[in-house]
Amino acid sequence: MAAPDPIVMGIVNVTPDSFSDGGRWLDPAAAIAHGLRLAADGAAILDVGGESTRPGAAAVSADEERRRVVPVIQGLTQAGVRVSVDTMKAVVAEAALDAGATLVNDVAALRDPDMAALVADRGCEVCLVHMRGEPRTMQDDPHYDDVVDDVRAFLTARVEVALAAGVARERIVLDPGIGFGKTVDHNLELLDRLDELAALGFPVLVGTSRKSFLGKIVGRDTDDRLPGTIATNVLALARGASIFRVHDVAPVRDALAVAAATLARTWTTPAETMTTSRTTTSTTATRTSRTADPRPSSPSRSSGSPSTPTTG
């Protein structure tokens, strides 16, 4: 499988209770200014959300969610920034698309019965996310026979729902749902075997940024998990992911640029990369061939030695 060009998605949480930055960007003007900073740092798309999906988060009404996200989306799109909306509700997605969003990031993967038809009718992109249960209960003793096989089967089934509703195949993105109803071991297994999900033939989005499993591994608080975020995103790139949803755009973008250049054995200047970022029109149309295997070979391995098999 060819390694993809990395697309950085900046997170704009317009919520009082998100696990990392809840309450910081509740004011629309502050959220817009934050989003524009992320775009200047290299985000090709901004993901605007008005309802926290952290473990144990309380549900938010559709009216309140719309009130939070619509003015922010309007402000960002009027500034020429590409925007996705992070929502499980079709009525919120509809308002966001009317405001200028072009992608629906649906952690419920079209469980709202009206979402698939909406996405198909609007011709927008949709990200189908694996989540066990719902945010309030998803971390209650999660169990899988084989987490990668189970996630792959779930996403395959949701793709079929999308296609049956008329969503174009090239408009679909998949997200394994790191941290959404998974233990630390589940998350690591998904990252290690991400190439098995990329083999389904859709762009893969990963969202590991500042998440609690990183804190459990390194013993650091939320705001001190950037190194872990970078490590997991670089690993995901090597295993076929192409979209990276993060809080800290600039350092992750730089790390991904170096990793991508290493995999490709070629590179572009920052100015060229920023120009490409600004002109990207689709998260599902930017994958390019790099190498036959997205996993880099170990420097100590001779050219005649077999590659290390996927573990897990």
C-alpha atoms as a PDB file:
ATOM      1  CA  MET A   1       0.000   0.000   0.000  1.00  0.00           C
ATOM      2  CA  ALA A   2       1.256   3.492  -0.831  1.00  0.00           C
ATOM      3  CA  ALA A   3       1.901   5.873   2.026  1.00  0.00           C
ATOM      4  CA  PRO A   4      -0.387   8.915   1.852  1.00  0.00           C
ATOM      5  CA  ASP A   5       0.301  12.621   2.001  1.00  0.00           C
ATOM      6  CA  PRO A   6      -0.515  13.740   5.570  1.00  0.00           C
ATOM      7  CA  ILE A   7      -3.443  16.097   6.083  1.00  0.00           C
ATOM      8  CA  VAL A   8      -3.554  17.856   9.459  1.00  0.00           C
ATOM      9  CA  MET A   9      -6.991  18.555  10.920  1.00  0.00           C
ATOM     10  CA  GLY A  10      -7.024  21.183  13.656  1.00  0.00           C
ATOM     11  CA  ILE A  11      -9.419  20.792  16.582  1.00  0.00           C
ATOM     12  CA  VAL A  12     -11.750  23.658  17.517  1.00  0.00           C
ATOM     13  CA  ASN A  13     -13.856  22.616  20.513  1.00  0.00           C
ATOM     14  CA  VAL A  14     -16.695  25.046  21.215  1.00  0.00           C
ATOM     15  CA  THR A  15     -17.612  23.244  24.416  1.00  0.00           C
ATOM     16  CA  PRO A  16     -17.394  23.820  28.166  1.00  0.00           C
ATOM     17  CA  ASP A  17     -16.384  20.234  28.964  1.00  0.00           C
ATOM     18  CA  SER A  18     -14.024  18.764  26.360  1.00  0.00           C
ATOM     19  CA  PHE A  19     -11.275  16.750  28.049  1.00  0.00           C
ATOM     20  CA  SER A  20      -8.380  18.949  26.897  1.00  0.00           C
ATOM     21  CA  ASP A  21      -9.523  22.489  26.135  1.00  0.00           C
ATOM     22  CA  GLY A  22     -13.108  22.650  27.345  1.00  0.00           C
ATOM     23  CA  GLY A  23     -14.269  26.223  27.964  1.00  0.00           C
ATOM     24  CA  ARG A  24     -11.352  27.950  26.261  1.00  0.00           C
ATOM     25  CA  TRP A  25     -13.145  28.704  22.986  1.00  0.00           C
ATOM     26  CA  LEU A  26     -16.812  29.038  23.962  1.00  0.00           C
ATOM     27  CA  ASP A  27     -16.954  32.624  22.721  1.00  0.00           C
ATOM     28  CA  PRO A  28     -17.402  32.532  18.912  1.00  0.00           C
ATOM     29  CA  ALA A  29     -14.842  35.274  18.319  1.00  0.00           C
ATOM     30  CA  ALA A  30     -12.269  33.438  20.437  1.00  0.00           C
ATOM     31  CA  ALA A  31     -13.003  30.153  18.651  1.00  0.00           C
ATOM     32  CA  ILE A  32     -12.655  31.777  15.227  1.00  0.00           C
ATOM     33  CA  ALA A  33      -9.369  33.419  16.208  1.00  0.00           C
ATOM     34  CA  HIS A  34      -8.089  30.080  17.540  1.00  0.00           C
ATOM     35  CA  GLY A  35      -9.109  28.333  14.331  1.00  0.00           C
ATOM     36  CA  LEU A  36      -7.345  30.910  12.185  1.00  0.00           C
ATOM     37  CA  ARG A  37      -4.163  30.390  14.227  1.00  0.00           C
ATOM     38  CA  LEU A  38      -4.393  26.643  13.621  1.00  0.00           C
ATOM     39  CA  ALA A  39      -4.876  27.262   9.898  1.00  0.00           C
ATOM     40  CA  ALA A  40      -1.836  29.549   9.870  1.00  0.00           C
ATOM     41  CA  ASP A  41       0.111  26.769  11.606  1.00  0.00           C
ATOM     42  CA  GLY A  42      -0.672  24.421   8.732  1.00  0.00           C
ATOM     43  CA  ALA A  43      -4.069  22.828   9.348  1.00  0.00           C
ATOM     44  CA  ALA A  44      -5.688  21.970   6.016  1.00  0.00           C
ATOM     45  CA  ILE A  45      -9.101  21.619   7.655  1.00  0.00           C
ATOM     46  CA  LEU A  46     -10.587  22.590  11.009  1.00  0.00           C
ATOM     47  CA  ASP A  47     -12.937  20.280  12.917  1.00  0.00           C
ATOM     48  CA  VAL A  48     -15.517  22.323  14.823  1.00  0.00           C
ATOM     49  CA  GLY A  49     -17.480  20.570  17.555  1.00  0.00           C
ATOM     50  CA  GLY A  50     -20.151  21.741  19.958  1.00  0.00           C
ATOM     51  CA  GLU A  51     -20.664  18.574  22.009  1.00  0.00           C
ATOM     52  CA  SER A  52     -17.948  16.840  23.987  1.00  0.00           C
ATOM     53  CA  THR A  53     -17.406  13.155  23.217  1.00  0.00           C
ATOM     54  CA  ARG A  54     -14.989  12.530  26.080  1.00  0.00           C
ATOM     55  CA  PRO A  55     -15.773   9.480  28.244  1.00  0.00           C
ATOM     56  CA  GLY A  56     -18.703  10.257  30.529  1.00  0.00           C
ATOM     57  CA  ALA A  57     -19.685  13.448  28.697  1.00  0.00           C
ATOM     58  CA  ALA A  58     -23.293  14.586  29.038  1.00  0.00           C
ATOM     59  CA  ALA A  59     -25.470  14.899  25.949  1.00  0.00           C
ATOM     60  CA  VAL A  60     -26.188  18.350  24.507  1.00  0.00           C
ATOM     61  CA  SER A  61     -29.417  19.390  22.810  1.00  0.00           C
ATOM     62  CA  ALA A  62     -29.399  19.966  19.063  1.00  0.00           C
ATOM     63  CA  ASP A  63     -30.412  23.605  19.558  1.00  0.00           C
ATOM     64  CA  GLU A  64     -27.501  24.266  21.921  1.00  0.00           C
ATOM     65  CA  GLU A  65     -25.035  22.446  19.691  1.00  0.00           C
ATOM     66  CA  ARG A  66     -26.146  24.485  16.678  1.00  0.00           C
ATOM     67  CA  ARG A  67     -25.885  27.690  18.676  1.00  0.00           C
ATOM     68  CA  ARG A  68     -22.285  26.896  19.511  1.00  0.00           C
ATOM     69  CA  VAL A  69     -20.948  25.746  16.143  1.00  0.00           C
ATOM     70  CA  VAL A  70     -22.803  27.669  13.415  1.00  0.00           C
ATOM     71  CA  PRO A  71     -21.313  31.149  14.016  1.00  0.00           C
ATOM     72  CA  VAL A  72     -17.828  29.671  14.317  1.00  0.00           C
ATOM     73  CA  ILE A  73     -18.181  27.724  11.076  1.00  0.00           C
ATOM     74  CA  GLN A  74     -19.528  30.805   9.323  1.00  0.00           C
ATOM     75  CA  GLY A  75     -16.623  32.922  10.525  1.00  0.00           C
ATOM     76  CA  LEU A  76     -13.991  30.395   9.530  1.00  0.00           C
ATOM     77  CA  THR A  77     -15.409  29.609   6.098  1.00  0.00           C
ATOM     78  CA  GLN A  78     -15.832  33.318   5.347  1.00  0.00           C
ATOM     79  CA  ALA A  79     -12.103  33.622   6.071  1.00  0.00           C
ATOM     80  CA  GLY A  80     -11.428  30.959   3.443  1.00  0.00           C
ATOM     81  CA  VAL A  81     -10.724  28.062   5.801  1.00  0.00           C
ATOM     82  CA  ARG A  82     -12.039  24.580   5.109  1.00  0.00           C
ATOM     83  CA  VAL A  83     -14.214  23.257   7.945  1.00  0.00           C
ATOM     84  CA  SER A  84     -15.686  19.973   9.105  1.00  0.00           C
ATOM     85  CA  VAL A  85     -18.340  19.599  11.786  1.00  0.00           C
ATOM     86  CA  ASP A  86     -17.936  17.094  14.599  1.00  0.00           C
ATOM     87  CA  THR A  87     -21.490  15.967  15.321  1.00  0.00           C
ATOM     88  CA  MET A  88     -23.710  12.899  15.661  1.00  0.00           C
ATOM     89  CA  LYS A  89     -26.921  14.765  14.851  1.00  0.00           C
ATOM     90  CA  ALA A  90     -28.257  15.218  11.330  1.00  0.00           C
ATOM     91  CA  VAL A  91     -30.017  18.483  12.179  1.00  0.00           C
ATOM     92  CA  VAL A  92     -26.739  19.949  13.447  1.00  0.00           C
ATOM     93  CA  ALA A  93     -24.851  18.625  10.438  1.00  0.00           C
ATOM     94  CA  GLU A  94     -27.417  20.221   8.130  1.00  0.00           C
ATOM     95  CA  ALA A  95     -27.015  23.614   9.802  1.00  0.00           C
ATOM     96  CA  ALA A  96     -23.228  23.261   9.663  1.00  0.00           C
ATOM     97  CA  LEU A  97     -23.281  22.413   5.963  1.00  0.00           C
ATOM     98  CA  ASP A  98     -25.530  25.420   5.357  1.00  0.00           C
ATOM     99  CA  ALA A  99     -22.928  27.509   7.199  1.00  0.00           C
ATOM    100  CA  GLY A 100     -20.138  26.286   4.908  1.00  0.00           C
ATOM    101  CA  ALA A 101     -18.792  23.020   6.336  1.00  0.00           C
ATOM    102  CA  THR A 102     -17.809  20.402   3.747  1.00  0.00           C
ATOM    103  CA  LEU A 103     -17.246  17.295   5.891  1.00  0.00           C
ATOM    104  CA  VAL A 104     -19.323  15.635   8.613  1.00  0.00           C
ATOM    105  CA  ASN A 105     -17.171  13.946  11.262  1.00  0.00           C
ATOM    106  CA  ASP A 106     -19.703  11.538  12.751  1.00  0.00           C
ATOM    107  CA  VAL A 107     -18.537   9.595  15.799  1.00  0.00           C
ATOM    108  CA  ALA A 108     -21.830   7.683  15.672  1.00  0.00           C
ATOM    109  CA  ALA A 109     -21.168   6.540  12.075  1.00  0.00           C
ATOM    110  CA  LEU A 110     -24.617   7.359  10.661  1.00  0.00           C
ATOM    111  CA  ARG A 111     -26.647   5.967  13.561  1.00  0.00           C
ATOM    112  CA  ASP A 112     -28.892   9.016  13.289  1.00  0.00           C
ATOM    113  CA  PRO A 113     -31.390   7.689  10.735  1.00  0.00           C
ATOM    114  CA  ASP A 114     -31.376  10.977   8.819  1.00  0.00           C
ATOM    115  CA  MET A 115     -27.598  11.410   8.567  1.00  0.00           C
ATOM    116  CA  ALA A 116     -26.804   9.127   5.629  1.00  0.00           C
ATOM    117  CA  ALA A 117     -29.497  10.668   3.423  1.00  0.00           C
ATOM    118  CA  LEU A 118     -28.315  14.163   4.333  1.00  0.00           C
ATOM    119  CA  VAL A 119     -24.695  13.398   3.449  1.00  0.00           C
ATOM    120  CA  ALA A 120     -25.730  11.763   0.193  1.00  0.00           C
ATOM    121  CA  ASP A 121     -28.014  14.658  -0.766  1.00  0.00           C
ATOM    122  CA  ARG A 122     -25.391  17.302  -0.029  1.00  0.00           C
ATOM    123  CA  GLY A 123     -22.524  15.420  -1.665  1.00  0.00           C
ATOM    124  CA  CYS A 124     -20.245  16.238   1.257  1.00  0.00           C
ATOM    125  CA  GLU A 125     -17.581  14.043   2.781  1.00  0.00           C
ATOM    126  CA  VAL A 126     -18.279  11.956   5.865  1.00  0.00           C
ATOM    127  CA  CYS A 127     -15.983  10.389   8.414  1.00  0.00           C
ATOM    128  CA  LEU A 128     -17.327   7.157   9.895  1.00  0.00           C
ATOM    129  CA  VAL A 129     -15.941   6.616  13.397  1.00  0.00           C
ATOM    130  CA  HIS A 130     -15.958   3.417  15.449  1.00  0.00           C
ATOM    131  CA  MET A 131     -17.350   4.020  18.932  1.00  0.00           C
ATOM    132  CA  ARG A 132     -18.475   1.352  21.349  1.00  0.00           C
ATOM    133  CA  GLY A 133     -21.806   2.484  22.795  1.00  0.00           C
ATOM    134  CA  GLU A 134     -22.043   6.218  23.513  1.00  0.00           C
ATOM    135  CA  PRO A 135     -19.721   8.745  25.185  1.00  0.00           C
ATOM    136  CA  ARG A 136     -21.369   8.382  28.593  1.00  0.00           C
ATOM    137  CA  THR A 137     -20.797   4.622  28.739  1.00  0.00           C
ATOM    138  CA  MET A 138     -18.178   3.743  26.118  1.00  0.00           C
ATOM    139  CA  GLN A 139     -15.351   3.182  28.619  1.00  0.00           C
ATOM    140  CA  ASP A 140     -17.373   0.834  30.830  1.00  0.00           C
ATOM    141  CA  ASP A 141     -15.319  -2.365  30.580  1.00  0.00           C
ATOM    142  CA  PRO A 142     -14.752  -2.426  26.802  1.00  0.00           C
ATOM    143  CA  HIS A 143     -14.161  -5.916  25.406  1.00  0.00           C
ATOM    144  CA  TYR A 144     -13.450  -7.288  21.928  1.00  0.00           C
ATOM    145  CA  ASP A 145     -12.638 -10.741  20.583  1.00  0.00           C
ATOM    146  CA  ASP A 146     -10.084  -9.049  18.297  1.00  0.00           C
ATOM    147  CA  VAL A 147     -10.271  -5.273  18.376  1.00  0.00           C
ATOM    148  CA  VAL A 148      -8.921  -4.753  14.859  1.00  0.00           C
ATOM    149  CA  ASP A 149     -11.187  -7.396  13.321  1.00  0.00           C
ATOM    150  CA  ASP A 150     -14.195  -6.032  15.213  1.00  0.00           C
ATOM    151  CA  VAL A 151     -13.497  -2.420  14.242  1.00  0.00           C
ATOM    152  CA  ARG A 152     -12.906  -3.417  10.628  1.00  0.00           C
ATOM    153  CA  ALA A 153     -16.189  -5.352  10.511  1.00  0.00           C
ATOM    154  CA  PHE A 154     -18.087  -2.441  12.062  1.00  0.00           C
ATOM    155  CA  LEU A 155     -16.644   0.127   9.665  1.00  0.00           C
ATOM    156  CA  THR A 156     -17.240  -2.140   6.685  1.00  0.00           C
ATOM    157  CA  ALA A 157     -20.895  -2.443   7.687  1.00  0.00           C
ATOM    158  CA  ARG A 158     -21.249   1.327   8.111  1.00  0.00           C
ATOM    159  CA  VAL A 159     -19.670   1.901   4.710  1.00  0.00           C
ATOM    160  CA  GLU A 160     -22.382  -0.334   3.247  1.00  0.00           C
ATOM    161  CA  VAL A 161     -25.035   1.790   4.962  1.00  0.00           C
ATOM    162  CA  ALA A 162     -23.503   4.928   3.485  1.00  0.00           C
ATOM    163  CA  LEU A 163     -23.240   3.468  -0.009  1.00  0.00           C
ATOM    164  CA  ALA A 164     -26.797   2.152   0.115  1.00  0.00           C
ATOM    165  CA  ALA A 165     -28.001   5.666   0.968  1.00  0.00           C
ATOM    166  CA  GLY A 166     -26.212   7.084  -2.064  1.00  0.00           C
ATOM    167  CA  VAL A 167     -23.044   8.441  -0.485  1.00  0.00           C
ATOM    168  CA  ALA A 168     -20.251   8.368  -3.068  1.00  0.00           C
ATOM    169  CA  ARG A 169     -17.445   5.966  -2.185  1.00  0.00           C
ATOM    170  CA  GLU A 170     -14.815   8.662  -2.727  1.00  0.00           C
ATOM    171  CA  ARG A 171     -16.544  10.818  -0.090  1.00  0.00           C
ATOM    172  CA  ILE A 172     -16.004   8.339   2.754  1.00  0.00           C
ATOM    173  CA  VAL A 173     -13.258   8.521   5.415  1.00  0.00           C
ATOM    174  CA  LEU A 174     -12.766   5.921   8.169  1.00  0.00           C
ATOM    175  CA  ASP A 175     -11.663   6.461  11.765  1.00  0.00           C
ATOM    176  CA  PRO A 176     -10.914   3.517  14.110  1.00  0.00           C
ATOM    177  CA  GLY A 177     -12.011   5.605  17.085  1.00  0.00           C
ATOM    178  CA  ILE A 178      -8.894   5.632  19.229  1.00  0.00           C
ATOM    179  CA  GLY A 179     -10.075   6.121  22.824  1.00  0.00           C
ATOM    180  CA  PHE A 180     -13.747   5.585  21.990  1.00  0.00           C
ATOM    181  CA  GLY A 181     -14.572   2.511  24.038  1.00  0.00           C
ATOM    182  CA  LYS A 182     -11.053   1.050  24.087  1.00  0.00           C
ATOM    183  CA  THR A 183      -8.448   0.183  26.683  1.00  0.00           C
ATOM    184  CA  VAL A 184      -4.818   1.227  26.349  1.00  0.00           C
ATOM    185  CA  ASP A 185      -4.022  -2.174  24.859  1.00  0.00           C
ATOM    186  CA  HIS A 186      -6.884  -1.847  22.367  1.00  0.00           C
ATOM    187  CA  ASN A 187      -5.608   1.552  21.236  1.00  0.00           C
ATOM    188  CA  LEU A 188      -2.052   0.289  20.782  1.00  0.00           C
ATOM    189  CA  GLU A 189      -3.254  -2.763  18.871  1.00  0.00           C
ATOM    190  CA  LEU A 190      -5.262  -0.545  16.510  1.00  0.00           C
ATOM    191  CA  LEU A 191      -2.264   1.702  15.896  1.00  0.00           C
ATOM    192  CA  ASP A 192       0.069  -1.237  15.306  1.00  0.00           C
ATOM    193  CA  ARG A 193      -2.316  -2.884  12.836  1.00  0.00           C
ATOM    194  CA  LEU A 194      -3.736   0.257  11.257  1.00  0.00           C
ATOM    195  CA  ASP A 195      -2.594  -0.954   7.856  1.00  0.00           C
ATOM    196  CA  GLU A 196      -5.329  -3.600   8.033  1.00  0.00           C
ATOM    197  CA  LEU A 197      -7.925  -0.828   8.132  1.00  0.00           C
ATOM    198  CA  ALA A 198      -6.154   1.222   5.471  1.00  0.00           C
ATOM    199  CA  ALA A 199      -6.374  -1.876   3.263  1.00  0.00           C
ATOM    200  CA  LEU A 200     -10.135  -1.321   3.042  1.00  0.00           C
ATOM    201  CA  GLY A 201      -9.291   1.360   0.489  1.00  0.00           C
ATOM    202  CA  PHE A 202     -10.581   4.491   2.220  1.00  0.00           C
ATOM    203  CA  PRO A 203      -8.601   7.371   3.727  1.00  0.00           C
ATOM    204  CA  VAL A 204      -8.000   6.716   7.425  1.00  0.00           C
ATOM    205  CA  LEU A 205      -8.271   9.466  10.032  1.00  0.00           C
ATOM    206  CA  VAL A 206      -6.665   9.071  13.453  1.00  0.00           C
ATOM    207  CA  GLY A 207      -7.322  11.118  16.559  1.00  0.00           C
ATOM    208  CA  THR A 208      -4.844  10.390  19.348  1.00  0.00           C
ATOM    209  CA  SER A 209      -4.152  13.980  20.356  1.00  0.00           C
ATOM    210  CA  ARG A 210      -3.559  14.382  24.107  1.00  0.00           C
ATOM    211  CA  LYS A 211      -5.769  11.372  24.887  1.00  0.00           C
ATOM    212  CA  SER A 212      -5.792   9.602  28.225  1.00  0.00           C
ATOM    213  CA  PHE A 213      -4.130   6.401  26.999  1.00  0.00           C
ATOM    214  CA  LEU A 214      -1.011   8.466  26.290  1.00  0.00           C
ATOM    215  CA  GLY A 215      -1.131   9.813  29.835  1.00  0.00           C
ATOM    216  CA  LYS A 216      -1.416   6.308  31.230  1.00  0.00           C
ATOM    217  CA  ILE A 217       1.696   5.256  29.324  1.00  0.00           C
ATOM    218  CA  VAL A 218       3.916   8.271  30.083  1.00  0.00           C
ATOM    219  CA  GLY A 219       2.356   9.542  33.311  1.00  0.00           C
ATOM    220  CA  ARG A 220       1.757  13.081  32.077  1.00  0.00           C
ATOM    221  CA  ASP A 221      -1.184  15.449  32.305  1.00  0.00           C
ATOM    222  CA  THR A 222      -3.300  16.393  29.290  1.00  0.00           C
ATOM    223  CA  ASP A 223      -1.328  19.468  28.214  1.00  0.00           C
ATOM    224  CA  ASP A 224       1.995  17.591  28.429  1.00  0.00           C
ATOM    225  CA  ARG A 225       1.195  14.785  25.981  1.00  0.00           C
ATOM    226  CA  LEU A 226       2.526  16.356  22.777  1.00  0.00           C
ATOM    227  CA  PRO A 227       5.467  13.924  22.408  1.00  0.00           C
ATOM    228  CA  GLY A 228       3.086  10.970  22.682  1.00  0.00           C
ATOM    229  CA  THR A 229       0.736  12.615  20.212  1.00  0.00           C
ATOM    230  CA  ILE A 230       3.570  13.077  17.732  1.00  0.00           C
ATOM    231  CA  ALA A 231       4.793   9.496  18.168  1.00  0.00           C
ATOM    232  CA  THR A 232       1.369   7.975  17.546  1.00  0.00           C
ATOM    233  CA  ASN A 233       0.676  10.153  14.524  1.00  0.00           C
ATOM    234  CA  VAL A 234       4.008   9.322  12.903  1.00  0.00           C
ATOM    235  CA  LEU A 235       3.365   5.618  13.517  1.00  0.00           C
ATOM    236  CA  ALA A 236      -0.113   5.984  12.031  1.00  0.00           C
ATOM    237  CA  LEU A 237       1.292   7.685   8.934  1.00  0.00           C
ATOM    238  CA  ALA A 238       3.719   4.813   8.408  1.00  0.00           C
ATOM    239  CA  ARG A 239       0.821   2.379   8.620  1.00  0.00           C
ATOM    240  CA  GLY A 240      -1.369   4.144   6.086  1.00  0.00           C
ATOM    241  CA  ALA A 241      -3.301   6.900   7.863  1.00  0.00           C
ATOM    242  CA  SER A 242      -3.683  10.137   5.926  1.00  0.00           C
ATOM    243  CA  ILE A 243      -5.645  12.540   8.159  1.00  0.00           C
ATOM    244  CA  PHE A 244      -4.476  13.530  11.633  1.00  0.00           C
ATOM    245  CA  ARG A 245      -6.842  15.285  14.042  1.00  0.00           C
ATOM    246  CA  VAL A 246      -4.776  17.259  16.576  1.00  0.00           C
ATOM    247  CA  HIS A 247      -4.761  20.171  19.008  1.00  0.00           C
ATOM    248  CA  ASP A 248      -1.110  21.127  18.400  1.00  0.00           C
ATOM    249  CA  VAL A 249      -0.977  21.660  14.651  1.00  0.00           C
ATOM    250  CA  ALA A 250       2.481  23.123  14.016  1.00  0.00           C
ATOM    251  CA  PRO A 251       4.672  20.525  15.792  1.00  0.00           C
ATOM    252  CA  VAL A 252       2.613  17.584  14.535  1.00  0.00           C
ATOM    253  CA  ARG A 253       2.650  18.970  11.003  1.00  0.00           C
ATOM    254  CA  ASP A 254       6.442  19.312  11.137  1.00  0.00           C
ATOM    255  CA  ALA A 255       6.878  15.772  12.461  1.00  0.00           C
ATOM    256  CA  LEU A 256       4.592  14.360   9.782  1.00  0.00           C
ATOM    257  CA  ALA A 257       6.409  16.313   7.066  1.00  0.00           C
ATOM    258  CA  VAL A 258       9.732  14.761   8.095  1.00  0.00           C
ATOM    259  CA  ALA A 259       8.209  11.292   8.385  1.00  0.00           C
ATOM    260  CA  ALA A 260       6.513  11.616   4.992  1.00  0.00           C
ATOM    261  CA  ALA A 261       9.754  12.826   3.395  1.00  0.00           C
ATOM    262  CA  THR A 262      11.577   9.842   4.875  1.00  0.00           C
ATOM    263  CA  LEU A 263       8.995   7.396   3.541  1.00  0.00           C
ATOM    264  CA  ALA A 264       8.940   9.086   0.124  1.00  0.00           C
ATOM    265  CA  ARG A 265      12.671   9.800  -0.125  1.00  0.00           C
ATOM    266  CA  THR A 266      11.649  13.250  -1.319  1.00  0.00           C
ATOM    267  CA  TRP A 267      10.487  16.486   0.253  1.00  0.00           C
ATOM    268  CA  THR A 268       9.059  19.940  -0.381  1.00  0.00           C
ATOM    269  CA  THR A 269       9.844  23.324   1.118  1.00  0.00           C
ATOM    270  CA  PRO A 270       7.558  24.684   3.862  1.00  0.00           C
ATOM    271  CA  ALA A 271       6.261  27.322   1.426  1.00  0.00           C
ATOM    272  CA  GLU A 272       5.296  24.637  -1.107  1.00  0.00           C
ATOM    273  CA  THR A 273       3.648  22.533   1.568  1.00  0.00           C
ATOM    274  CA  MET A 274       1.647  25.475   2.909  1.00  0.00           C
ATOM    275  CA  THR A 275       0.473  26.316  -0.610  1.00  0.00           C
ATOM    276  CA  THR A 276      -0.732  22.749  -1.078  1.00  0.00           C
ATOM    277  CA  SER A 277      -2.483  22.904   2.295  1.00  0.00           C
ATOM    278  CA  ARG A 278      -4.316  26.062   1.335  1.00  0.00           C
ATOM    279  CA  THR A 279      -5.499  24.679  -2.026  1.00  0.00           C
ATOM    280  CA  THR A 280      -6.576  21.233  -0.846  1.00  0.00           C
ATOM    281  CA  THR A 281     -10.258  20.775  -1.684  1.00  0.00           C
ATOM    282  CA  SER A 282     -10.851  17.196  -0.582  1.00  0.00           C
ATOM    283  CA  THR A 283      -9.481  15.044   2.214  1.00  0.00           C
ATOM    284  CA  THR A 284     -10.234  11.990   0.091  1.00  0.00           C
ATOM    285  CA  ALA A 285      -8.362  13.029  -3.038  1.00  0.00           C
ATOM    286  CA  THR A 286      -4.815  13.767  -1.901  1.00  0.00           C
ATOM    287  CA  ARG A 287      -3.234  10.329  -1.532  1.00  0.00           C
ATOM    288  CA  THR A 288      -0.126   9.783  -3.666  1.00  0.00           C
ATOM    289  CA  SER A 289       2.124   6.794  -4.211  1.00  0.00           C
ATOM    290  CA  ARG A 290       5.339   6.767  -2.229  1.00  0.00           C
ATOM    291  CA  THR A 291       6.650   3.310  -1.446  1.00  0.00           C
ATOM    292  CA  ALA A 292       5.427  -0.231  -1.839  1.00  0.00           C
ATOM    293  CA  ASP A 293       5.249  -0.645   1.939  1.00  0.00           C
ATOM    294  CA  PRO A 294       4.282   2.267   4.227  1.00  0.00           C
ATOM    295  CA  ARG A 295       6.303   0.809   7.088  1.00  0.00           C
ATOM    296  CA  PRO A 296       9.962   1.860   6.939  1.00  0.00           C
ATOM    297  CA  SER A 297      12.491  -0.977   7.074  1.00  0.00           C
ATOM    298  CA  SER A 298      14.837  -1.171  10.035  1.00  0.00           C
ATOM    299  CA  PRO A 299      18.307   0.202   9.216  1.00  0.00           C
ATOM    300  CA  SER A 300      19.826  -2.961  10.710  1.00  0.00           C
ATOM    301  CA  ARG A 301      17.869  -5.269   8.402  1.00  0.00           C
ATOM    302  CA  SER A 302      19.680  -6.468   5.290  1.00  0.00           C
ATOM    303  CA  SER A 303      17.966  -6.105   1.935  1.00  0.00           C
ATOM    304  CA  GLY A 304      17.592  -9.857   1.696  1.00  0.00           C
ATOM    305  CA  SER A 305      15.960 -10.303   5.094  1.00  0.00           C
ATOM    306  CA  PRO A 306      12.196 -10.761   5.400  1.00  0.00           C
ATOM    307  CA  SER A 307      10.254  -7.802   6.717  1.00  0.00           C
ATOM    308  CA  THR A 308       8.903  -7.901  10.246  1.00  0.00           C
ATOM    309  CA  PRO A 309       5.356  -9.298  10.216  1.00  0.00           C
ATOM    310  CA  THR A 310       2.464  -7.362  11.690  1.00  0.00           C
ATOM    311  CA  THR A 311       2.247  -8.113  15.366  1.00  0.00           C
ATOM    312  CA  GLY A 312      -0.671  -8.189  17.719  1.00  0.00           C
END
